[in-house]
Amino acid sequence: MQGWVITICVLAVLTAYIVWLAGKPSVTPLVDKKAETELRSAVPEHGREGNEIEVFTGFSSMLQAIEKDVEQAESYVHILFFKFEDDPVGRSLAGLLARKVAAGVEVRLMVDDAVNMGRRGFYRDMQADGIQVRGFSPLHIPLIKSDNYRNHRKIVVVDGRVAYIGGMNIAERYGAGLDWGCWRDTQIRIEGPAVADCELAFALDWTHENAPGAALELASPKYYAEPVSKGGIDVDIVCSGPLGEGPVIMHRVCEILDSAREYAWLESPYLIPTKEVMASICAAARRGVDVRLIIPPRGDRGVLTPLATKAYIQEALDAGVRIATYDKGYMHSKTIVCDDKIVTVGSTNIDVRSYVLDLEINAFIYSTEFASRMKQVFLDDESVSTYIEPETWKKRPFFQKLAEQFAKLFSFQF
């Protein structure tokens, strides 16, 4: 009998250790600070002005633009996506990248390791074609997946002259949509000095997954073109996450909301905010700012995430926030436009995971002209959305409210 007790205790301890190890952050700050300093010093000095930005609200046009820029690449192509799927879209782009390698162009591809566990054979095929592929932050235990501390960034840089960031991954459904509607997202193409900051973000993540000495090839001047003004738009590229940056994007979002005087219009697939962001959203609405938010009518997978989002809607409505659901399909765009002067576009959702647990990248854009463009994008989305009526929302069934509060308890994991 005593042997069984000991065995059960040992198994319990082992199980607890495995669970802890699976959730343990495999992301740590860059060990070699000298390497980080060298990479940062490679970026030419520049202000935030002098950029041109193209906006994509559909996947097909964005993918065509990326393919055109990759076709014109002469030196290198650097790509980082949270997901790069083994489907017709992914295979087509992989084929193009392989052809560029054969033509003498350096191609580096980074994907998040955990979310792409089932695609490693696809990536090995890319490596066989000469594409340098890395999985960001490989799991401690291959068969146990941890969703924490993942690389959620989307970055493409071609020859230091053009960069892309936003909410879109490389997957067929981004163009084809879901069986119940389209996939609505936002990506931007940047030309100008801000491209170097996108390259630095890629280089730091690539260095994290390589021996610092081997990765310091990315500190070469050939990866950082001298700043050339391409337009009149001011851009800050901001990264956040557990690599040492901390929740910088969250703080910048709060600054936008806290400084808003006329309006702040937001789009996000989720409303699962940190307490700081929720406080800023509600405070802005209470002082008379026109705060609007467009979210999807349902989730793209699972039930807990949309339930958790619904748990926060009542508090926002009570503060005066207007919340609409996007009728045409799944709203995956991550944007804010405020007071005709500032916009942010990037990979960051309004959720705890994006603000605290994952690596993200956003462009903070200071331009009346660009804000006007993004304001119209919001209005176009609003025209095919339905606003939630506060009084009707209060009358939803008790058990629905109970399920929402249950999901909210686990919202830090979504």
Protein backbone atom coordinates (compact mmCIF):
# COMPACT_ATOMS: atom_id res chain seq x y z
CA MET A 1 0.00 0.00 0.00
CA GLN A 2 2.81 2.39 0.87
CA GLY A 3 4.41 1.70 -2.52
CA TRP A 4 1.24 2.80 -4.31
CA VAL A 5 1.17 6.04 -2.30
CA ILE A 6 4.79 6.78 -3.19
CA THR A 7 4.12 5.99 -6.86
CA ILE A 8 1.08 8.30 -6.97
CA CYS A 9 3.05 11.08 -5.28
CA VAL A 10 5.93 10.71 -7.72
CA LEU A 11 3.56 10.76 -10.68
CA ALA A 12 1.80 13.84 -9.30
CA VAL A 13 5.08 15.68 -8.86
CA LEU A 14 6.24 14.64 -12.34
CA THR A 15 2.94 15.77 -13.87
CA ALA A 16 3.17 19.11 -12.08
CA TYR A 17 6.74 19.55 -13.31
CA ILE A 18 5.78 18.78 -16.91
CA VAL A 19 2.88 21.25 -16.77
CA TRP A 20 5.19 23.91 -15.31
CA LEU A 21 7.87 23.22 -17.91
CA ALA A 22 5.37 23.38 -20.76
CA GLY A 23 4.23 26.80 -19.66
CA LYS A 24 7.68 28.05 -18.77
CA PRO A 25 8.78 30.94 -20.99
CA SER A 26 11.32 29.71 -23.51
CA VAL A 27 11.89 33.32 -24.52
CA THR A 28 14.67 35.10 -22.68
CA PRO A 29 16.35 38.44 -23.33
CA LEU A 30 19.26 38.44 -25.74
CA VAL A 31 22.10 36.86 -23.80
CA ASP A 32 24.81 38.69 -25.71
CA LYS A 33 24.16 42.38 -25.08
CA LYS A 34 27.14 43.21 -27.24
CA ALA A 35 25.36 41.60 -30.19
CA GLU A 36 22.19 43.57 -29.48
CA THR A 37 24.16 46.82 -29.25
CA GLU A 38 25.95 46.07 -32.51
CA LEU A 39 22.68 45.37 -34.31
CA ARG A 40 21.11 48.58 -33.02
CA SER A 41 24.16 50.64 -33.94
CA ALA A 42 23.89 49.38 -37.54
CA VAL A 43 20.65 51.30 -38.05
CA PRO A 44 21.38 54.69 -39.66
CA GLU A 45 20.31 57.66 -37.59
CA HIS A 46 16.99 59.04 -38.73
CA GLY A 47 13.90 60.79 -37.49
CA ARG A 48 10.42 59.45 -37.86
CA GLU A 49 9.52 61.64 -40.86
CA GLY A 50 9.78 61.02 -44.61
CA ASN A 51 7.77 57.83 -45.17
CA GLU A 52 5.13 56.73 -47.65
CA ILE A 53 2.48 54.17 -46.68
CA GLU A 54 0.13 52.02 -48.73
CA VAL A 55 -2.83 50.40 -46.97
CA PHE A 56 -4.23 46.97 -47.76
CA THR A 57 -7.60 45.87 -46.40
CA GLY A 58 -7.72 42.69 -48.46
CA PHE A 59 -5.30 39.77 -48.52
CA SER A 60 -5.09 39.23 -52.29
CA SER A 61 -3.89 42.75 -53.07
CA MET A 62 -1.41 42.63 -50.19
CA LEU A 63 0.00 39.27 -51.31
CA GLN A 64 0.34 40.49 -54.91
CA ALA A 65 2.29 43.52 -53.68
CA ILE A 66 4.62 41.35 -51.57
CA GLU A 67 5.20 39.01 -54.51
CA LYS A 68 5.98 41.94 -56.79
CA ASP A 69 8.51 43.35 -54.30
CA VAL A 70 10.08 39.91 -53.77
CA GLU A 71 10.34 39.43 -57.54
CA GLN A 72 12.33 42.69 -57.69
CA ALA A 73 14.64 41.74 -54.78
CA GLU A 74 18.32 41.97 -55.63
CA SER A 75 20.04 41.32 -52.29
CA TYR A 76 17.80 39.87 -49.58
CA VAL A 77 14.28 39.09 -48.39
CA HIS A 78 13.51 38.83 -44.67
CA ILE A 79 10.13 37.43 -43.62
CA LEU A 80 8.62 36.84 -40.18
CA PHE A 81 5.06 35.56 -39.80
CA PHE A 82 3.22 34.09 -36.85
CA LYS A 83 1.78 31.56 -39.31
CA PHE A 84 3.11 30.49 -42.70
CA GLU A 85 0.79 27.68 -43.69
CA ASP A 86 1.29 24.68 -45.96
CA ASP A 87 -1.56 25.46 -48.35
CA PRO A 88 -1.75 26.74 -51.96
CA VAL A 89 -0.90 30.30 -50.84
CA GLY A 90 2.03 29.26 -48.66
CA ARG A 91 3.41 26.84 -51.24
CA SER A 92 3.18 29.44 -54.01
CA LEU A 93 5.10 32.04 -51.98
CA ALA A 94 7.63 29.37 -50.92
CA GLY A 95 8.19 28.56 -54.59
CA LEU A 96 8.85 32.22 -55.38
CA LEU A 97 11.30 32.48 -52.48
CA ALA A 98 13.12 29.36 -53.70
CA ARG A 99 13.46 30.88 -57.16
CA LYS A 100 14.97 34.03 -55.66
CA VAL A 101 17.48 31.93 -53.72
CA ALA A 102 18.45 30.21 -56.97
CA ALA A 103 19.01 33.67 -58.46
CA GLY A 104 21.44 34.56 -55.65
CA VAL A 105 19.14 36.44 -53.26
CA GLU A 106 19.42 35.72 -49.52
CA VAL A 107 16.08 34.62 -48.07
CA ARG A 108 15.46 34.26 -44.35
CA LEU A 109 12.12 33.11 -42.98
CA MET A 110 11.10 33.00 -39.33
CA VAL A 111 7.85 31.56 -38.00
CA ASP A 112 6.54 30.97 -34.52
CA ASP A 113 7.52 27.44 -33.52
CA ALA A 114 4.51 26.49 -31.40
CA VAL A 115 1.69 27.48 -33.73
CA ASN A 116 3.45 25.86 -36.72
CA MET A 117 4.42 22.57 -35.08
CA GLY A 118 2.62 20.51 -37.73
CA ARG A 119 4.35 22.23 -40.66
CA ARG A 120 7.98 21.35 -39.99
CA GLY A 121 8.16 19.06 -43.03
CA PHE A 122 7.05 21.99 -45.20
CA TYR A 123 9.80 24.15 -43.72
CA ARG A 124 12.40 21.42 -44.23
CA ASP A 125 11.45 21.40 -47.90
CA MET A 126 12.06 25.17 -47.97
CA GLN A 127 15.44 24.68 -46.34
CA ALA A 128 16.32 22.11 -48.98
CA ASP A 129 15.65 24.85 -51.53
CA GLY A 130 18.17 27.12 -49.81
CA ILE A 131 15.74 29.25 -47.78
CA GLN A 132 17.06 29.85 -44.27
CA VAL A 133 14.17 28.93 -41.95
CA ARG A 134 14.00 29.34 -38.16
CA GLY A 135 11.24 28.54 -35.70
CA PHE A 136 11.05 31.19 -33.01
CA SER A 137 11.45 29.90 -29.45
CA PRO A 138 11.29 26.12 -29.91
CA LEU A 139 9.23 24.32 -27.30
CA HIS A 140 10.85 22.71 -24.26
CA ILE A 141 8.80 19.54 -24.74
CA PRO A 142 7.91 19.01 -28.42
CA LEU A 143 4.62 17.20 -27.75
CA ILE A 144 3.35 19.74 -25.21
CA LYS A 145 2.42 23.09 -26.64
CA SER A 146 2.59 26.32 -24.67
CA ASP A 147 0.74 29.31 -26.14
CA ASN A 148 2.61 31.80 -23.96
CA TYR A 149 5.49 33.99 -25.07
CA ARG A 150 4.95 33.50 -28.78
CA ASN A 151 6.14 35.66 -31.68
CA HIS A 152 2.97 37.22 -33.10
CA ARG A 153 4.77 39.73 -35.34
CA LYS A 154 4.29 39.97 -39.11
CA ILE A 155 7.24 41.56 -40.91
CA VAL A 156 8.50 41.52 -44.49
CA VAL A 157 11.58 43.52 -45.52
CA VAL A 158 12.97 43.54 -49.07
CA ASP A 159 16.43 44.99 -49.80
CA GLY A 160 16.04 47.58 -47.03
CA ARG A 161 13.80 49.63 -49.31
CA VAL A 162 10.30 48.39 -48.45
CA ALA A 163 8.64 46.76 -45.44
CA TYR A 164 5.25 45.30 -44.55
CA ILE A 165 3.63 44.95 -41.13
CA GLY A 166 0.07 44.37 -39.98
CA GLY A 167 -2.39 41.66 -39.00
CA MET A 168 -2.22 39.22 -41.92
CA ASN A 169 -0.40 35.90 -41.92
CA ILE A 170 0.37 33.69 -44.92
CA ALA A 171 -2.65 31.41 -45.19
CA GLU A 172 -5.32 30.72 -47.79
CA ARG A 173 -8.24 31.62 -45.50
CA TYR A 174 -7.06 35.24 -45.29
CA GLY A 175 -8.10 35.59 -48.93
CA ALA A 176 -10.84 32.97 -49.21
CA GLY A 177 -12.47 33.87 -45.91
CA LEU A 178 -14.38 31.53 -43.62
CA ASP A 179 -17.50 29.54 -44.48
CA TRP A 180 -19.65 32.23 -42.87
CA GLY A 181 -18.02 35.38 -44.24
CA CYS A 182 -14.95 37.24 -45.47
CA TRP A 183 -11.72 37.78 -43.54
CA ARG A 184 -11.25 41.51 -42.94
CA ASP A 185 -7.72 42.60 -42.05
CA THR A 186 -5.25 45.47 -42.41
CA GLN A 187 -1.63 45.48 -43.59
CA ILE A 188 0.60 48.39 -44.55
CA ARG A 189 3.51 48.74 -46.95
CA ILE A 190 6.17 51.25 -45.88
CA GLU A 191 8.83 53.02 -47.92
CA GLY A 192 11.24 55.39 -46.22
CA PRO A 193 13.45 55.56 -43.11
CA ALA A 194 11.04 53.44 -40.99
CA VAL A 195 11.97 50.38 -43.07
CA ALA A 196 15.27 50.18 -41.17
CA ASP A 197 13.38 49.85 -37.88
CA CYS A 198 11.38 46.94 -39.29
CA GLU A 199 14.65 45.31 -40.36
CA LEU A 200 16.07 45.80 -36.87
CA ALA A 201 13.03 44.10 -35.34
CA PHE A 202 13.58 41.11 -37.62
CA ALA A 203 17.33 41.05 -36.95
CA LEU A 204 16.88 41.02 -33.17
CA ASP A 205 14.43 38.11 -33.35
CA TRP A 206 16.66 36.23 -35.79
CA THR A 207 19.65 36.78 -33.51
CA HIS A 208 17.68 35.34 -30.62
CA GLU A 209 17.38 32.04 -32.47
CA ASN A 210 21.01 31.83 -33.59
CA ALA A 211 24.45 31.95 -32.04
CA PRO A 212 25.12 35.69 -31.68
CA GLY A 213 28.33 35.51 -33.66
CA ALA A 214 26.65 33.79 -36.61
CA ALA A 215 23.70 36.17 -36.56
CA LEU A 216 25.81 39.31 -36.45
CA GLU A 217 26.00 39.10 -40.22
CA LEU A 218 22.71 41.00 -39.97
CA ALA A 219 24.63 43.99 -38.57
CA SER A 220 26.14 44.52 -42.00
CA PRO A 221 25.39 47.90 -43.61
CA LYS A 222 23.94 46.10 -46.64
CA TYR A 223 20.79 45.37 -44.62
CA TYR A 224 20.20 49.02 -43.73
CA ALA A 225 19.81 51.41 -46.61
CA GLU A 226 20.65 55.03 -45.94
CA PRO A 227 17.45 56.91 -45.03
CA VAL A 228 15.80 58.40 -48.11
CA SER A 229 12.64 60.44 -47.83
CA LYS A 230 9.80 58.85 -49.78
CA GLY A 231 6.88 60.89 -48.53
CA GLY A 232 5.57 63.14 -45.80
CA ILE A 233 4.39 60.65 -43.19
CA ASP A 234 5.93 60.39 -39.70
CA VAL A 235 6.24 56.79 -38.48
CA ASP A 236 7.45 55.17 -35.27
CA ILE A 237 7.97 51.39 -35.40
CA VAL A 238 7.40 50.02 -31.91
CA CYS A 239 8.01 46.48 -30.65
CA SER A 240 6.81 45.00 -27.39
CA GLY A 241 7.14 41.67 -25.63
CA PRO A 242 9.14 39.61 -23.16
CA LEU A 243 12.50 40.16 -24.89
CA GLY A 244 13.18 43.18 -22.75
CA GLU A 245 10.97 45.76 -24.45
CA GLY A 246 8.11 45.22 -21.99
CA PRO A 247 4.48 46.28 -22.68
CA VAL A 248 5.50 49.35 -24.69
CA ILE A 249 2.68 49.08 -27.23
CA MET A 250 0.11 48.84 -24.44
CA HIS A 251 1.46 52.06 -22.92
CA ARG A 252 1.42 53.81 -26.29
CA VAL A 253 -2.19 52.76 -26.85
CA CYS A 254 -3.11 54.15 -23.44
CA GLU A 255 -1.35 57.42 -24.34
CA ILE A 256 -3.44 57.70 -27.52
CA LEU A 257 -6.67 57.08 -25.64
CA ASP A 258 -5.74 59.37 -22.75
CA SER A 259 -4.88 62.21 -25.12
CA ALA A 260 -7.98 61.80 -27.30
CA ARG A 261 -10.23 64.84 -27.37
CA GLU A 262 -12.66 64.28 -30.26
CA TYR A 263 -12.73 60.62 -31.27
CA ALA A 264 -10.91 57.29 -31.02
CA TRP A 265 -12.08 54.55 -33.36
CA LEU A 266 -10.75 51.04 -32.87
CA GLU A 267 -10.91 47.71 -34.71
CA SER A 268 -9.91 44.41 -33.13
CA PRO A 269 -10.86 40.73 -33.26
CA TYR A 270 -11.06 40.71 -29.45
CA LEU A 271 -12.00 42.90 -26.52
CA ILE A 272 -10.08 41.22 -23.71
CA PRO A 273 -8.05 44.20 -22.50
CA THR A 274 -5.65 44.70 -19.66
CA LYS A 275 -7.06 46.81 -16.83
CA GLU A 276 -4.92 49.74 -18.00
CA VAL A 277 -6.32 49.72 -21.53
CA MET A 278 -9.89 49.17 -20.35
CA ALA A 279 -9.54 52.10 -17.96
CA SER A 280 -8.27 54.34 -20.80
CA ILE A 281 -11.06 53.26 -23.18
CA CYS A 282 -13.78 53.91 -20.62
CA ALA A 283 -12.24 57.15 -19.32
CA ALA A 284 -12.10 58.57 -22.84
CA ALA A 285 -15.77 57.77 -23.43
CA ARG A 286 -16.82 59.21 -20.08
CA ARG A 287 -15.18 62.56 -20.81
CA GLY A 288 -17.12 62.87 -24.05
CA VAL A 289 -14.73 61.39 -26.61
CA ASP A 290 -16.48 59.52 -29.44
CA VAL A 291 -15.12 56.03 -28.79
CA ARG A 292 -16.19 53.35 -31.24
CA LEU A 293 -15.06 49.74 -31.57
CA ILE A 294 -15.75 47.21 -34.32
CA ILE A 295 -15.34 43.53 -33.44
CA PRO A 296 -16.38 40.31 -35.22
CA PRO A 297 -19.83 38.83 -34.51
CA ARG A 298 -18.25 35.47 -33.62
CA GLY A 299 -14.87 33.83 -33.19
CA ASP A 300 -12.81 32.10 -35.84
CA ARG A 301 -12.20 29.12 -33.56
CA GLY A 302 -13.43 27.93 -30.17
CA VAL A 303 -16.08 29.40 -27.89
CA LEU A 304 -14.19 30.76 -24.89
CA THR A 305 -12.49 33.69 -26.64
CA PRO A 306 -15.70 35.28 -28.03
CA LEU A 307 -17.39 34.61 -24.68
CA ALA A 308 -14.60 36.42 -22.85
CA THR A 309 -14.92 39.36 -25.25
CA LYS A 310 -18.64 39.59 -24.47
CA ALA A 311 -17.84 39.70 -20.75
CA TYR A 312 -16.17 43.11 -21.24
CA ILE A 313 -18.81 44.66 -23.48
CA GLN A 314 -21.18 45.72 -20.71
CA GLU A 315 -18.56 47.75 -18.85
CA ALA A 316 -17.60 49.52 -22.08
CA LEU A 317 -21.22 50.22 -23.02
CA ASP A 318 -21.91 51.62 -19.54
CA ALA A 319 -19.03 54.07 -20.04
CA GLY A 320 -20.47 55.26 -23.34
CA VAL A 321 -18.34 53.26 -25.78
CA ARG A 322 -20.19 52.35 -28.98
CA ILE A 323 -19.51 48.75 -30.03
CA ALA A 324 -20.45 47.27 -33.40
CA THR A 325 -20.15 43.79 -34.89
CA TYR A 326 -18.84 43.43 -38.44
CA ASP A 327 -21.65 41.85 -40.46
CA LYS A 328 -19.64 40.74 -43.53
CA GLY A 329 -17.42 38.25 -41.71
CA TYR A 330 -14.46 38.01 -39.36
CA MET A 331 -12.89 41.30 -38.25
CA HIS A 332 -9.18 40.62 -37.69
CA SER A 333 -7.89 44.18 -38.24
CA LYS A 334 -5.88 45.77 -35.43
CA THR A 335 -6.09 49.54 -35.86
CA ILE A 336 -6.80 52.76 -33.99
CA VAL A 337 -7.40 56.16 -35.58
CA CYS A 338 -7.65 59.18 -33.29
CA ASP A 339 -8.46 62.88 -33.66
CA ASP A 340 -7.46 63.14 -37.36
CA LYS A 341 -3.79 63.02 -36.38
CA ILE A 342 -2.59 59.61 -35.20
CA VAL A 343 -3.06 56.02 -36.34
CA THR A 344 -1.64 52.71 -35.15
CA VAL A 345 -1.59 49.61 -37.33
CA GLY A 346 0.12 46.35 -36.52
CA SER A 347 -0.12 42.88 -35.05
CA THR A 348 -1.43 43.87 -31.61
CA ASN A 349 -4.94 42.83 -30.59
CA ILE A 350 -6.90 44.41 -27.77
CA ASP A 351 -6.13 41.51 -25.46
CA VAL A 352 -3.88 40.56 -22.58
CA ARG A 353 -1.87 38.15 -24.70
CA SER A 354 -0.86 40.80 -27.23
CA TYR A 355 -0.16 43.47 -24.63
CA VAL A 356 1.81 41.35 -22.16
CA LEU A 357 2.61 37.78 -23.23
CA ASP A 358 3.50 37.85 -26.94
CA LEU A 359 5.98 39.66 -29.16
CA GLU A 360 4.23 42.30 -31.27
CA ILE A 361 5.04 45.11 -33.69
CA ASN A 362 3.01 48.23 -34.52
CA ALA A 363 3.51 51.34 -36.59
CA PHE A 364 2.47 54.56 -34.84
CA ILE A 365 1.74 57.01 -37.62
CA TYR A 366 1.47 60.77 -37.16
CA SER A 367 -0.19 62.26 -40.24
CA THR A 368 -3.43 64.12 -40.85
CA GLU A 369 -3.58 62.80 -44.41
CA PHE A 370 -3.05 59.18 -43.36
CA ALA A 371 -5.48 59.51 -40.45
CA SER A 372 -8.08 60.72 -42.96
CA ARG A 373 -7.47 57.61 -45.06
CA MET A 374 -7.86 55.29 -42.08
CA LYS A 375 -10.91 57.18 -40.86
CA GLN A 376 -12.59 56.40 -44.18
CA VAL A 377 -11.56 52.73 -43.88
CA PHE A 378 -13.29 52.63 -40.50
CA LEU A 379 -16.41 54.32 -41.88
CA ASP A 380 -16.54 51.79 -44.73
CA ASP A 381 -16.38 48.96 -42.19
CA GLU A 382 -18.95 50.70 -40.00
CA SER A 383 -21.38 50.87 -42.93
CA VAL A 384 -21.55 47.06 -42.95
CA SER A 385 -21.63 46.68 -39.16
CA THR A 386 -24.41 46.67 -36.57
CA TYR A 387 -24.10 48.57 -33.29
CA ILE A 388 -25.05 46.80 -30.08
CA GLU A 389 -28.02 48.39 -28.32
CA PRO A 390 -27.12 48.83 -24.63
CA GLU A 391 -30.62 48.14 -23.34
CA THR A 392 -30.98 45.01 -25.46
CA TRP A 393 -27.54 43.81 -24.38
CA LYS A 394 -28.53 43.99 -20.72
CA LYS A 395 -31.46 41.63 -21.35
CA ARG A 396 -29.44 38.66 -22.61
CA PRO A 397 -30.11 35.42 -20.68
CA PHE A 398 -28.63 34.89 -17.22
CA PHE A 399 -26.84 31.68 -18.19
CA GLN A 400 -25.20 33.46 -21.12
CA LYS A 401 -23.87 36.11 -18.74
CA LEU A 402 -22.67 33.35 -16.41
CA ALA A 403 -20.81 31.61 -19.25
CA GLU A 404 -19.19 34.92 -20.21
CA GLN A 405 -17.95 35.52 -16.68
CA PHE A 406 -16.59 31.98 -16.54
CA ALA A 407 -14.66 32.59 -19.77
CA LYS A 408 -13.41 35.92 -18.40
CA LEU A 409 -11.68 34.05 -15.55
CA PHE A 410 -9.36 32.46 -18.13
CA SER A 411 -9.07 35.47 -20.43
CA PHE A 412 -5.37 35.93 -19.65
CA GLN A 413 -4.77 32.70 -21.57
CA PHE A 414 -6.59 33.70 -24.78
